[in-house]
Amino acid sequence: MMRYDFVAIGDVVTDAFIRIADANAEVRDGKLSLGYGDKIPFERAHIIPAVGNSANAAVAAARLGLETAFVSNIGDDRAGDDIITQLKKESVDASFVHRNQGVASNYHYVLWYKDDRTILIKHEQYSYHLPVLDEPKWIYFSSVGEHADQFHDEVATFMRQHPDSKLAFQPGTFQIKLGTHRLRDLYKKTELFFCNREEAMRILEIRDDDIANLVRGMHHIGPKIVVITDGPKGAYTSDGTTIWYMRPYPDPKPPYERTGAGDAFSSTFTTALALGMSLQDAMRWAPINSMSVVQYVGAQEGLLRRSQLEKYLAEAPADYQPKEFAKLS
């Protein structure tokens, strides 16, 4: 059995992007507004298979040179066939993707308006089980459906039984809803944790958005390395002693579509550590892939090869460096 560098675990979907013309919608108070009962013209559609937080991470890691496998569920339909084909095309080992008979594959609809999107989601009901794995260098665990409650215990048990493997955890919506008490064993085994500023507040059930307090709170529940992103403002990384701030990589042009920016950041950060790089190097790598992804439609087209990423890094401004933000007492 191969010992993988990177095993991603989580749901996989097909995204159907529907580009809505600017004249046919508007954003009001943070909500996408369409005429109820109207026939809304759209500009074009893009069907993108084999995406989702963990699938995106697997593709990112494979493109950057890691031996990568993916653990997930699909149905016995054409969408499932397309997912397997796409993963193999990206050199991701899909042998741990379980095909569920009589069930559809996950299929989401993405209403794409200007440079952002609203996603209509539906998670099919699968039976989640962890396959027999050798001891991967890194496990990357992210979004699963609401039927996967007990699956988190399997992952936590695997991490206890394989102490040489490291866990990167980027919780999805359902995992955040489960709460820190329900997932306490998983958080305690987490080496590297990712969320954004708003998610950190929900996870910790506090209204305080102070980065230092959020980082302290996340370390308290278990993760050794905490990364909190703050959208276009940058990201903060803590090793438990020091918090560093990292600015975004300069966009060569305005973002085209923002799906997958967070996944690109988190998976590239994890990949850098899996390649033996320092925390500071990982902080420089991650924003570059995130910048690239938002220049394309969907979460994967803009993911970079290592040579491409390193070229951007070589051309970075002189101040593209982590800066100490605060000491943790």
Protein backbone atom coordinates (compact mmCIF):
# COMPACT_ATOMS: atom_id res chain seq x y z
CA MET A 1 0.00 0.00 0.00
CA MET A 2 1.31 3.42 -0.98
CA ARG A 3 2.12 5.93 1.73
CA TYR A 4 0.58 9.12 0.42
CA ASP A 5 1.84 12.61 1.12
CA PHE A 6 -1.67 14.03 1.22
CA VAL A 7 -5.06 12.34 1.67
CA ALA A 8 -8.08 14.63 1.37
CA ILE A 9 -11.35 13.54 2.99
CA GLY A 10 -14.73 15.15 2.34
CA ASP A 11 -17.69 15.46 0.01
CA VAL A 12 -17.33 15.94 -3.73
CA VAL A 13 -19.83 17.71 -5.97
CA THR A 14 -20.49 18.90 -9.48
CA ASP A 15 -20.97 22.67 -9.67
CA ALA A 16 -23.28 24.08 -12.34
CA PHE A 17 -22.35 27.76 -12.67
CA ILE A 18 -25.08 30.02 -14.04
CA ARG A 19 -23.80 33.47 -15.02
CA ILE A 20 -26.54 36.05 -14.38
CA ALA A 21 -26.38 39.22 -16.45
CA ASP A 22 -25.78 42.38 -14.42
CA ALA A 23 -29.03 43.97 -15.56
CA ASN A 24 -31.18 41.10 -14.27
CA ALA A 25 -30.26 41.03 -10.58
CA GLU A 26 -28.96 43.17 -7.74
CA VAL A 27 -27.55 42.75 -4.26
CA ARG A 28 -29.65 44.20 -1.43
CA ASP A 29 -28.45 44.06 2.17
CA GLY A 30 -26.10 41.19 1.35
CA LYS A 31 -28.80 39.17 -0.45
CA LEU A 32 -29.04 38.37 -4.14
CA SER A 33 -32.32 39.79 -5.47
CA LEU A 34 -34.10 38.34 -8.51
CA GLY A 35 -37.59 39.06 -9.78
CA TYR A 36 -39.91 36.49 -8.19
CA GLY A 37 -41.93 34.72 -10.88
CA ASP A 38 -39.87 36.28 -13.66
CA LYS A 39 -37.99 34.54 -16.44
CA ILE A 40 -34.41 35.58 -15.69
CA PRO A 41 -32.01 35.59 -18.66
CA PHE A 42 -28.53 34.22 -18.03
CA GLU A 43 -25.35 34.73 -20.01
CA ARG A 44 -23.87 31.22 -19.96
CA ALA A 45 -23.38 28.09 -17.87
CA HIS A 46 -20.31 26.09 -16.84
CA ILE A 47 -20.54 22.50 -15.56
CA ILE A 48 -17.53 21.68 -13.36
CA PRO A 49 -17.19 18.16 -11.90
CA ALA A 50 -15.12 16.93 -8.93
CA VAL A 51 -15.14 20.07 -6.79
CA GLY A 52 -15.85 20.79 -3.12
CA ASN A 53 -13.51 21.79 -0.28
CA SER A 54 -11.59 18.54 -0.04
CA ALA A 55 -11.66 17.73 -3.75
CA ASN A 56 -10.24 21.18 -4.48
CA ALA A 57 -7.54 20.56 -1.88
CA ALA A 58 -6.63 17.22 -3.45
CA VAL A 59 -6.22 18.79 -6.88
CA ALA A 60 -4.16 21.66 -5.46
CA ALA A 61 -1.81 19.25 -3.67
CA ALA A 62 -1.43 17.02 -6.74
CA ARG A 63 -0.61 19.97 -9.00
CA LEU A 64 2.02 21.11 -6.51
CA GLY A 65 3.73 17.73 -6.64
CA LEU A 66 2.39 15.62 -3.76
CA GLU A 67 1.32 11.97 -4.00
CA THR A 68 -2.37 12.54 -3.37
CA ALA A 69 -5.46 10.43 -2.73
CA PHE A 70 -9.09 11.37 -2.14
CA VAL A 71 -11.66 9.73 0.17
CA SER A 72 -15.26 10.53 -0.72
CA ASN A 73 -18.66 9.28 -1.92
CA ILE A 74 -20.43 9.47 -5.26
CA GLY A 75 -23.59 7.98 -6.76
CA ASP A 76 -23.99 5.45 -9.56
CA ASP A 77 -24.78 8.05 -12.20
CA ARG A 78 -23.15 9.96 -15.06
CA ALA A 79 -22.13 12.76 -12.71
CA GLY A 80 -20.22 10.19 -10.64
CA ASP A 81 -18.46 8.91 -13.76
CA ASP A 82 -17.42 12.45 -14.64
CA ILE A 83 -16.07 13.02 -11.14
CA ILE A 84 -13.84 9.93 -11.30
CA THR A 85 -12.62 10.87 -14.79
CA GLN A 86 -11.71 14.38 -13.65
CA LEU A 87 -9.85 13.21 -10.53
CA LYS A 88 -7.78 10.78 -12.57
CA LYS A 89 -7.03 13.54 -15.07
CA GLU A 90 -5.60 15.56 -12.17
CA SER A 91 -3.42 12.62 -10.99
CA VAL A 92 -5.47 12.21 -7.80
CA ASP A 93 -5.85 8.58 -6.69
CA ALA A 94 -9.62 8.01 -6.75
CA SER A 95 -9.56 4.39 -5.58
CA PHE A 96 -10.97 5.43 -2.18
CA VAL A 97 -14.00 7.19 -3.71
CA HIS A 98 -16.96 4.94 -2.87
CA ARG A 99 -19.75 4.55 -5.42
CA ASN A 100 -23.14 4.28 -3.68
CA GLN A 101 -25.72 2.26 -5.58
CA GLY A 102 -29.17 3.78 -6.07
CA VAL A 103 -28.05 7.23 -4.90
CA ALA A 104 -27.31 10.37 -6.92
CA SER A 105 -24.00 12.20 -6.85
CA ASN A 106 -23.94 15.61 -5.18
CA TYR A 107 -24.90 18.38 -7.61
CA HIS A 108 -24.93 22.08 -6.72
CA TYR A 109 -26.18 25.12 -8.60
CA VAL A 110 -24.08 28.29 -8.43
CA LEU A 111 -25.78 31.60 -9.15
CA TRP A 112 -22.84 33.68 -10.35
CA TYR A 113 -23.41 37.43 -10.25
CA LYS A 114 -20.57 39.90 -10.86
CA ASP A 115 -17.49 38.55 -8.97
CA ASP A 116 -19.29 36.53 -6.29
CA ARG A 117 -21.80 33.71 -6.07
CA THR A 118 -24.72 32.17 -4.19
CA ILE A 119 -24.68 28.36 -4.07
CA LEU A 120 -27.77 26.16 -3.93
CA ILE A 121 -26.60 22.99 -2.15
CA LYS A 122 -27.96 19.51 -1.50
CA HIS A 123 -25.93 16.77 0.18
CA GLU A 124 -27.07 13.27 -0.72
CA GLN A 125 -27.33 10.68 2.06
CA TYR A 126 -24.31 8.41 1.96
CA SER A 127 -22.90 5.84 4.34
CA TYR A 128 -19.59 7.36 5.46
CA HIS A 129 -16.70 5.04 6.36
CA LEU A 130 -12.96 5.54 6.44
CA PRO A 131 -11.13 3.04 4.17
CA VAL A 132 -8.01 1.16 5.16
CA LEU A 133 -5.13 3.58 4.70
CA ASP A 134 -1.43 3.41 5.26
CA GLU A 135 -0.06 6.23 7.41
CA PRO A 136 -0.27 9.35 5.19
CA LYS A 137 1.99 12.28 5.95
CA TRP A 138 -1.04 14.58 6.04
CA ILE A 139 -4.81 14.09 6.27
CA TYR A 140 -6.84 17.07 5.02
CA PHE A 141 -10.41 16.91 6.35
CA SER A 142 -13.16 19.30 5.35
CA SER A 143 -16.84 19.58 4.49
CA VAL A 144 -19.13 16.54 4.72
CA GLY A 145 -22.92 16.26 4.79
CA GLU A 146 -25.19 16.21 7.81
CA HIS A 147 -25.39 12.41 7.70
CA ALA A 148 -21.68 12.08 8.54
CA ASP A 149 -21.88 12.73 12.30
CA GLN A 150 -20.21 9.47 13.43
CA PHE A 151 -17.66 9.69 10.64
CA HIS A 152 -15.82 12.38 12.61
CA ASP A 153 -15.18 9.83 15.36
CA GLU A 154 -13.60 7.48 12.80
CA VAL A 155 -11.25 10.21 11.63
CA ALA A 156 -10.31 11.14 15.23
CA THR A 157 -9.66 7.47 16.03
CA PHE A 158 -7.49 7.10 12.95
CA MET A 159 -5.40 10.09 14.02
CA ARG A 160 -4.92 8.63 17.51
CA GLN A 161 -3.82 5.31 16.04
CA HIS A 162 -1.43 6.92 13.53
CA PRO A 163 0.54 9.52 15.49
CA ASP A 164 3.00 10.11 12.64
CA SER A 165 0.19 11.42 10.42
CA LYS A 166 -0.79 15.07 10.77
CA LEU A 167 -4.31 16.45 10.47
CA ALA A 168 -5.30 19.65 8.70
CA PHE A 169 -8.92 20.55 9.48
CA GLN A 170 -10.96 23.10 7.53
CA PRO A 171 -14.51 22.68 8.90
CA GLY A 172 -17.49 23.05 6.63
CA THR A 173 -20.89 24.45 7.56
CA PHE A 174 -22.25 21.24 9.11
CA GLN A 175 -19.05 20.61 11.05
CA ILE A 176 -19.22 24.08 12.54
CA LYS A 177 -22.85 23.45 13.52
CA LEU A 178 -21.87 20.23 15.30
CA GLY A 179 -19.95 22.34 17.81
CA THR A 180 -16.59 22.08 19.51
CA HIS A 181 -17.81 19.75 22.27
CA ARG A 182 -19.08 17.16 19.77
CA LEU A 183 -15.85 17.37 17.78
CA ARG A 184 -13.50 17.82 20.75
CA ASP A 185 -11.48 14.68 19.95
CA LEU A 186 -10.98 15.86 16.38
CA TYR A 187 -9.92 19.36 17.42
CA LYS A 188 -7.43 17.90 19.92
CA LYS A 189 -5.74 15.89 17.15
CA THR A 190 -5.61 18.83 14.72
CA GLU A 191 -2.13 19.99 13.78
CA LEU A 192 -3.25 22.72 11.39
CA PHE A 193 -6.60 24.52 11.49
CA PHE A 194 -8.24 26.89 9.00
CA CYS A 195 -11.30 29.11 9.14
CA ASN A 196 -12.22 32.70 8.40
CA ARG A 197 -12.83 35.42 10.96
CA GLU A 198 -16.63 35.05 11.00
CA GLU A 199 -16.42 31.26 11.25
CA ALA A 200 -14.04 31.52 14.22
CA MET A 201 -16.64 33.58 16.06
CA ARG A 202 -19.33 30.98 15.33
CA ILE A 203 -17.08 28.08 16.33
CA LEU A 204 -16.15 29.73 19.64
CA GLU A 205 -19.69 31.09 20.14
CA ILE A 206 -18.46 34.60 20.88
CA ARG A 207 -19.13 38.05 19.43
CA ASP A 208 -15.57 39.28 19.91
CA ASP A 209 -13.86 39.57 16.51
CA ASP A 210 -10.43 40.46 17.90
CA ILE A 211 -7.91 38.26 16.07
CA ALA A 212 -5.71 37.61 19.11
CA ASN A 213 -8.70 36.49 21.16
CA LEU A 214 -9.99 34.29 18.36
CA VAL A 215 -6.58 32.67 17.95
CA ARG A 216 -6.30 32.04 21.71
CA GLY A 217 -9.75 30.49 21.70
CA MET A 218 -8.93 28.16 18.83
CA HIS A 219 -5.66 27.03 20.43
CA HIS A 220 -7.55 26.35 23.65
CA ILE A 221 -9.74 23.71 21.98
CA GLY A 222 -6.79 21.88 20.49
CA PRO A 223 -5.18 22.93 17.20
CA LYS A 224 -1.41 23.50 17.33
CA ILE A 225 -1.27 25.86 14.35
CA VAL A 226 -4.21 28.22 13.79
CA VAL A 227 -4.81 30.11 10.55
CA ILE A 228 -7.63 32.67 10.40
CA THR A 229 -8.29 34.32 7.05
CA ASP A 230 -9.89 37.73 6.69
CA GLY A 231 -10.90 37.88 3.04
CA PRO A 232 -9.15 40.54 0.97
CA LYS A 233 -7.55 41.93 4.16
CA GLY A 234 -5.13 39.00 4.48
CA ALA A 235 -4.59 36.16 6.95
CA TYR A 236 -3.21 35.49 10.43
CA THR A 237 -1.17 32.45 11.49
CA SER A 238 -0.23 31.37 15.02
CA ASP A 239 2.05 28.63 16.29
CA GLY A 240 0.80 29.16 19.84
CA THR A 241 3.51 31.68 20.69
CA THR A 242 3.40 34.31 17.96
CA ILE A 243 0.73 35.54 15.55
CA TRP A 244 1.94 36.62 12.12
CA TYR A 245 0.00 38.64 9.56
CA MET A 246 0.33 37.94 5.84
CA ARG A 247 -0.99 40.35 3.23
CA PRO A 248 -2.72 39.05 0.07
CA TYR A 249 -0.68 38.61 -3.08
CA PRO A 250 -1.40 41.57 -5.41
CA ASP A 251 -4.15 40.73 -7.89
CA PRO A 252 -2.95 41.22 -11.50
CA LYS A 253 -6.53 42.22 -12.35
CA PRO A 254 -9.88 42.38 -10.51
CA PRO A 255 -11.22 38.98 -9.35
CA TYR A 256 -13.40 37.23 -11.94
CA GLU A 257 -15.18 34.73 -9.67
CA ARG A 258 -14.34 33.94 -6.03
CA THR A 259 -15.31 30.27 -5.63
CA GLY A 260 -12.51 28.19 -4.11
CA ALA A 261 -10.25 31.02 -2.93
CA GLY A 262 -10.30 29.75 0.66
CA ASP A 263 -9.72 26.14 -0.39
CA ALA A 264 -6.75 27.19 -2.52
CA PHE A 265 -5.25 29.07 0.42
CA SER A 266 -5.71 26.28 2.97
CA SER A 267 -4.58 23.41 0.75
CA THR A 268 -1.54 25.29 -0.54
CA PHE A 269 -0.53 26.18 3.02
CA THR A 270 -0.83 22.51 4.02
CA THR A 271 1.06 21.36 0.92
CA ALA A 272 3.96 23.69 1.70
CA LEU A 273 4.30 22.13 5.17
CA ALA A 274 4.01 18.64 3.67
CA LEU A 275 6.92 19.55 1.38
CA GLY A 276 9.01 20.37 4.46
CA MET A 277 8.80 24.13 4.22
CA SER A 278 8.67 26.53 7.15
CA LEU A 279 5.54 28.18 8.49
CA GLN A 280 6.71 31.49 6.99
CA ASP A 281 7.17 29.88 3.57
CA ALA A 282 3.67 28.39 3.77
CA MET A 283 2.31 31.86 4.57
CA ARG A 284 3.93 33.21 1.40
CA TRP A 285 2.78 30.33 -0.80
CA ALA A 286 -0.89 30.21 0.16
CA PRO A 287 -2.09 33.67 -0.99
CA ILE A 288 -0.56 33.15 -4.43
CA ASN A 289 -2.78 30.18 -5.31
CA SER A 290 -5.77 31.97 -3.82
CA MET A 291 -5.05 35.00 -6.04
CA SER A 292 -4.79 32.79 -9.12
CA VAL A 293 -8.02 30.88 -8.52
CA VAL A 294 -10.23 33.98 -8.46
CA GLN A 295 -9.09 34.87 -11.98
CA TYR A 296 -11.02 31.88 -13.39
CA VAL A 297 -14.43 30.24 -13.22
CA GLY A 298 -14.70 27.60 -10.50
CA ALA A 299 -12.38 26.39 -7.80
CA GLN A 300 -9.76 24.47 -9.76
CA GLU A 301 -8.93 25.95 -13.16
CA GLY A 302 -6.64 28.56 -11.65
CA LEU A 303 -4.75 26.22 -9.30
CA LEU A 304 -1.05 26.49 -10.04
CA ARG A 305 1.78 24.07 -10.69
CA ARG A 306 4.80 24.48 -8.41
CA SER A 307 6.91 26.17 -11.09
CA GLN A 308 4.12 28.69 -11.77
CA LEU A 309 3.69 29.47 -8.07
CA GLU A 310 7.41 29.92 -7.56
CA LYS A 311 7.53 32.31 -10.51
CA TYR A 312 4.91 34.51 -8.85
CA LEU A 313 6.85 34.31 -5.60
CA ALA A 314 10.05 35.43 -7.33
CA GLU A 315 8.18 38.43 -8.76
CA ALA A 316 6.52 39.39 -5.47
CA PRO A 317 6.89 42.90 -4.04
CA ALA A 318 9.63 43.36 -1.45
CA ASP A 319 7.06 43.75 1.34
CA TYR A 320 5.38 40.44 0.52
CA GLN A 321 6.55 38.92 3.80
CA PRO A 322 4.90 37.72 7.04
CA LYS A 323 4.89 40.38 9.72
CA GLU A 324 4.69 39.78 13.46
CA PHE A 325 1.22 40.80 14.62
CA ALA A 326 1.16 39.88 18.31
CA LYS A 327 2.70 37.68 20.98
CA LEU A 328 0.44 35.24 22.81
CA SER A 329 0.83 35.30 26.57
